[in-house]
PDB file of N, CA and C in Angstrom:
ATOM      1  N   MET A   1       0.848  -1.166   0.000  1.00  0.00           N
ATOM      2  CA  MET A   1       0.000   0.000   0.000  1.00  0.00           C
ATOM      3  C   MET A   1       0.897   1.235   0.000  1.00  0.00           C
ATOM      4  N   LEU A   2       0.668   2.097  -0.961  1.00  0.00           N
ATOM      5  CA  LEU A   2       1.337   3.388  -1.036  1.00  0.00           C
ATOM      6  C   LEU A   2       0.371   4.421  -0.488  1.00  0.00           C
ATOM      7  N   LEU A   3       0.710   4.997   0.638  1.00  0.00           N
ATOM      8  CA  LEU A   3      -0.128   5.996   1.290  1.00  0.00           C
ATOM      9  C   LEU A   3       0.451   7.370   0.984  1.00  0.00           C
ATOM     10  N   SER A   4      -0.336   8.219   0.342  1.00  0.00           N
ATOM     11  CA  SER A   4       0.163   9.516  -0.092  1.00  0.00           C
ATOM     12  C   SER A   4      -0.702  10.639   0.460  1.00  0.00           C
ATOM     13  N   PHE A   5      -0.034  11.681   0.938  1.00  0.00           N
ATOM     14  CA  PHE A   5      -0.712  12.886   1.397  1.00  0.00           C
ATOM     15  C   PHE A   5      -0.608  13.989   0.339  1.00  0.00           C
ATOM     16  N   ASN A   6      -0.119  13.621  -0.840  1.00  0.00           N
ATOM     17  CA  ASN A   6       0.076  14.540  -1.941  1.00  0.00           C
ATOM     18  C   ASN A   6      -1.059  14.345  -2.941  1.00  0.00           C
ATOM     19  N   TYR A   7      -1.399  15.373  -3.685  1.00  0.00           N
ATOM     20  CA  TYR A   7      -2.474  15.295  -4.676  1.00  0.00           C
ATOM     21  C   TYR A   7      -1.996  14.723  -6.009  1.00  0.00           C
ATOM     22  N   THR A   8      -0.692  14.708  -6.225  1.00  0.00           N
ATOM     23  CA  THR A   8      -0.143  14.308  -7.513  1.00  0.00           C
ATOM     24  C   THR A   8       0.317  12.855  -7.507  1.00  0.00           C
ATOM     25  N   ALA A   9       0.616  12.334  -8.689  1.00  0.00           N
ATOM     26  CA  ALA A   9       1.078  10.951  -8.833  1.00  0.00           C
ATOM     27  C   ALA A   9       2.604  10.861  -8.783  1.00  0.00           C
ATOM     28  N   THR A  10       3.264  11.809  -8.143  1.00  0.00           N
ATOM     29  CA  THR A  10       4.725  11.854  -8.090  1.00  0.00           C
ATOM     30  C   THR A  10       5.319  10.590  -7.496  1.00  0.00           C
ATOM     31  N   ALA A  11       4.758  10.071  -6.439  1.00  0.00           N
ATOM     32  CA  ALA A  11       5.315   8.886  -5.781  1.00  0.00           C
ATOM     33  C   ALA A  11       5.328   7.675  -6.708  1.00  0.00           C
ATOM     34  N   LYS A  12       4.364   7.583  -7.596  1.00  0.00           N
ATOM     35  CA  LYS A  12       4.309   6.455  -8.536  1.00  0.00           C
ATOM     36  C   LYS A  12       5.444   6.499  -9.547  1.00  0.00           C
ATOM     37  N   MET A  13       6.053   7.665  -9.771  1.00  0.00           N
ATOM     38  CA  MET A  13       7.122   7.810 -10.761  1.00  0.00           C
ATOM     39  C   MET A  13       8.466   7.298 -10.252  1.00  0.00           C
ATOM     40  N   TYR A  14       8.602   7.020  -8.968  1.00  0.00           N
ATOM     41  CA  TYR A  14       9.880   6.625  -8.401  1.00  0.00           C
ATOM     42  C   TYR A  14      10.147   5.131  -8.453  1.00  0.00           C
ATOM     43  N   GLY A  15       9.279   4.374  -9.026  1.00  0.00           N
ATOM     44  CA  GLY A  15       9.534   2.949  -9.152  1.00  0.00           C
ATOM     45  C   GLY A  15       8.353   2.223  -9.746  1.00  0.00           C
ATOM     46  N   ASN A  16       8.609   1.044 -10.230  1.00  0.00           N
ATOM     47  CA  ASN A  16       7.565   0.227 -10.806  1.00  0.00           C
ATOM     48  C   ASN A  16       7.136  -0.787  -9.745  1.00  0.00           C
ATOM     49  N   PHE A  17       6.418  -0.327  -8.768  1.00  0.00           N
ATOM     50  CA  PHE A  17       6.002  -1.170  -7.656  1.00  0.00           C
ATOM     51  C   PHE A  17       4.605  -1.721  -7.911  1.00  0.00           C
ATOM     52  N   ASN A  18       4.382  -2.905  -7.461  1.00  0.00           N
ATOM     53  CA  ASN A  18       3.061  -3.510  -7.580  1.00  0.00           C
ATOM     54  C   ASN A  18       2.308  -3.239  -6.279  1.00  0.00           C
ATOM     55  N   LEU A  19       1.921  -1.981  -6.089  1.00  0.00           N
ATOM     56  CA  LEU A  19       1.274  -1.550  -4.858  1.00  0.00           C
ATOM     57  C   LEU A  19      -0.056  -0.865  -5.155  1.00  0.00           C
ATOM     58  N   ASP A  20      -0.972  -0.979  -4.243  1.00  0.00           N
ATOM     59  CA  ASP A  20      -2.187  -0.178  -4.302  1.00  0.00           C
ATOM     60  C   ASP A  20      -1.866   1.209  -3.772  1.00  0.00           C
ATOM     61  N   SER A  21      -2.504   2.219  -4.309  1.00  0.00           N
ATOM     62  CA  SER A  21      -2.269   3.593  -3.878  1.00  0.00           C
ATOM     63  C   SER A  21      -3.508   4.139  -3.188  1.00  0.00           C
ATOM     64  N   ASN A  22      -3.279   4.860  -2.105  1.00  0.00           N
ATOM     65  CA  ASN A  22      -4.354   5.508  -1.372  1.00  0.00           C
ATOM     66  C   ASN A  22      -3.956   6.966  -1.165  1.00  0.00           C
ATOM     67  N   TYR A  23      -4.704   7.864  -1.790  1.00  0.00           N
ATOM     68  CA  TYR A  23      -4.445   9.291  -1.668  1.00  0.00           C
ATOM     69  C   TYR A  23      -5.369   9.859  -0.607  1.00  0.00           C
ATOM     70  N   ILE A  24      -4.801  10.227   0.522  1.00  0.00           N
ATOM     71  CA  ILE A  24      -5.561  10.658   1.689  1.00  0.00           C
ATOM     72  C   ILE A  24      -6.458  11.862   1.381  1.00  0.00           C
ATOM     73  N   TYR A  25      -5.931  12.850   0.679  1.00  0.00           N
ATOM     74  CA  TYR A  25      -6.684  14.080   0.428  1.00  0.00           C
ATOM     75  C   TYR A  25      -7.248  14.170  -0.977  1.00  0.00           C
ATOM     76  N   GLY A  26      -7.169  13.089  -1.747  1.00  0.00           N
ATOM     77  CA  GLY A  26      -7.706  13.080  -3.099  1.00  0.00           C
ATOM     78  C   GLY A  26      -6.618  13.167  -4.158  1.00  0.00           C
ATOM     79  N   GLU A  27      -7.036  13.118  -5.410  1.00  0.00           N
ATOM     80  CA  GLU A  27      -6.120  13.139  -6.542  1.00  0.00           C
ATOM     81  C   GLU A  27      -6.496  14.243  -7.510  1.00  0.00           C
ATOM     82  N   LEU A  28      -5.508  14.792  -8.202  1.00  0.00           N
ATOM     83  CA  LEU A  28      -5.768  15.832  -9.196  1.00  0.00           C
ATOM     84  C   LEU A  28      -6.634  15.319 -10.336  1.00  0.00           C
ATOM     85  N   GLU A  29      -6.553  14.021 -10.626  1.00  0.00           N
ATOM     86  CA  GLU A  29      -7.352  13.450 -11.698  1.00  0.00           C
ATOM     87  C   GLU A  29      -8.841  13.408 -11.353  1.00  0.00           C
ATOM     88  N   HIS A  30      -9.168  13.540 -10.074  1.00  0.00           N
ATOM     89  CA  HIS A  30     -10.559  13.525  -9.606  1.00  0.00           C
ATOM     90  C   HIS A  30     -10.794  14.738  -8.700  1.00  0.00           C
ATOM     91  N   PRO A  31     -10.870  15.933  -9.293  1.00  0.00           N
ATOM     92  CA  PRO A  31     -10.929  17.165  -8.487  1.00  0.00           C
ATOM     93  C   PRO A  31     -12.135  17.283  -7.565  1.00  0.00           C
ATOM     94  N   LYS A  32     -13.231  16.597  -7.865  1.00  0.00           N
ATOM     95  CA  LYS A  32     -14.400  16.684  -6.987  1.00  0.00           C
ATOM     96  C   LYS A  32     -14.168  15.989  -5.649  1.00  0.00           C
ATOM     97  N   ASN A  33     -13.171  15.101  -5.582  1.00  0.00           N
ATOM     98  CA  ASN A  33     -12.906  14.346  -4.363  1.00  0.00           C
ATOM     99  C   ASN A  33     -11.776  14.926  -3.518  1.00  0.00           C
ATOM    100  N   ILE A  34     -11.210  16.054  -3.927  1.00  0.00           N
ATOM    101  CA  ILE A  34     -10.084  16.638  -3.202  1.00  0.00           C
ATOM    102  C   ILE A  34     -10.563  17.301  -1.913  1.00  0.00           C
ATOM    103  N   ILE A  35      -9.835  17.041  -0.842  1.00  0.00           N
ATOM    104  CA  ILE A  35     -10.083  17.677   0.454  1.00  0.00           C
ATOM    105  C   ILE A  35      -8.990  18.718   0.643  1.00  0.00           C
ATOM    106  N   VAL A  36      -9.354  19.993   0.677  1.00  0.00           N
ATOM    107  CA  VAL A  36      -8.381  21.069   0.787  1.00  0.00           C
ATOM    108  C   VAL A  36      -8.041  21.349   2.242  1.00  0.00           C
ATOM    109  N   GLY A  37      -8.983  21.266   3.117  1.00  0.00           N
ATOM    110  CA  GLY A  37      -8.737  21.525   4.525  1.00  0.00           C
ATOM    111  C   GLY A  37      -9.860  20.977   5.360  1.00  0.00           C
ATOM    112  N   TYR A  38      -9.612  20.860   6.627  1.00  0.00           N
ATOM    113  CA  TYR A  38     -10.643  20.344   7.521  1.00  0.00           C
ATOM    114  C   TYR A  38     -10.557  21.100   8.830  1.00  0.00           C
ATOM    115  N   GLY A  39     -11.674  21.615   9.301  1.00  0.00           N
ATOM    116  CA  GLY A  39     -11.733  22.272  10.594  1.00  0.00           C
ATOM    117  C   GLY A  39     -12.822  21.622  11.422  1.00  0.00           C
ATOM    118  N   ASP A  40     -12.573  21.485  12.677  1.00  0.00           N
ATOM    119  CA  ASP A  40     -13.552  20.853  13.559  1.00  0.00           C
ATOM    120  C   ASP A  40     -14.461  21.924  14.137  1.00  0.00           C
ATOM    121  N   GLU A  41     -15.207  22.582  13.249  1.00  0.00           N
ATOM    122  CA  GLU A  41     -16.063  23.690  13.693  1.00  0.00           C
ATOM    123  C   GLU A  41     -17.237  23.250  14.544  1.00  0.00           C
ATOM    124  N   LEU A  42     -17.466  21.956  14.661  1.00  0.00           N
ATOM    125  CA  LEU A  42     -18.554  21.472  15.495  1.00  0.00           C
ATOM    126  C   LEU A  42     -18.138  21.327  16.965  1.00  0.00           C
ATOM    127  N   ASP A  43     -16.844  21.382  17.210  1.00  0.00           N
ATOM    128  CA  ASP A  43     -16.327  21.269  18.580  1.00  0.00           C
ATOM    129  C   ASP A  43     -16.576  22.599  19.315  1.00  0.00           C
ATOM    130  N   LYS A  44     -17.026  22.550  20.559  1.00  0.00           N
ATOM    131  CA  LYS A  44     -17.331  23.773  21.309  1.00  0.00           C
ATOM    132  C   LYS A  44     -16.081  24.607  21.596  1.00  0.00           C
ATOM    133  N   ASP A  45     -14.878  23.977  21.587  1.00  0.00           N
ATOM    134  CA  ASP A  45     -13.628  24.697  21.855  1.00  0.00           C
ATOM    135  C   ASP A  45     -13.030  25.320  20.590  1.00  0.00           C
ATOM    136  N   TYR A  46     -13.634  25.068  19.437  1.00  0.00           N
ATOM    137  CA  TYR A  46     -13.121  25.611  18.177  1.00  0.00           C
ATOM    138  C   TYR A  46     -13.374  27.077  18.135  1.00  0.00           C
TER     139      TYR A  46
END
């Protein structure tokens, strides 16, 4: 498993690995799924 916090496929360019990729914040190829930021505005201390 390749776990990436980057939006780009840069990590895939560094080798020919037989790994599944998981992009935590989304991918540039799927812009509707990108997470730009997260705030816990529901917390009373926020």
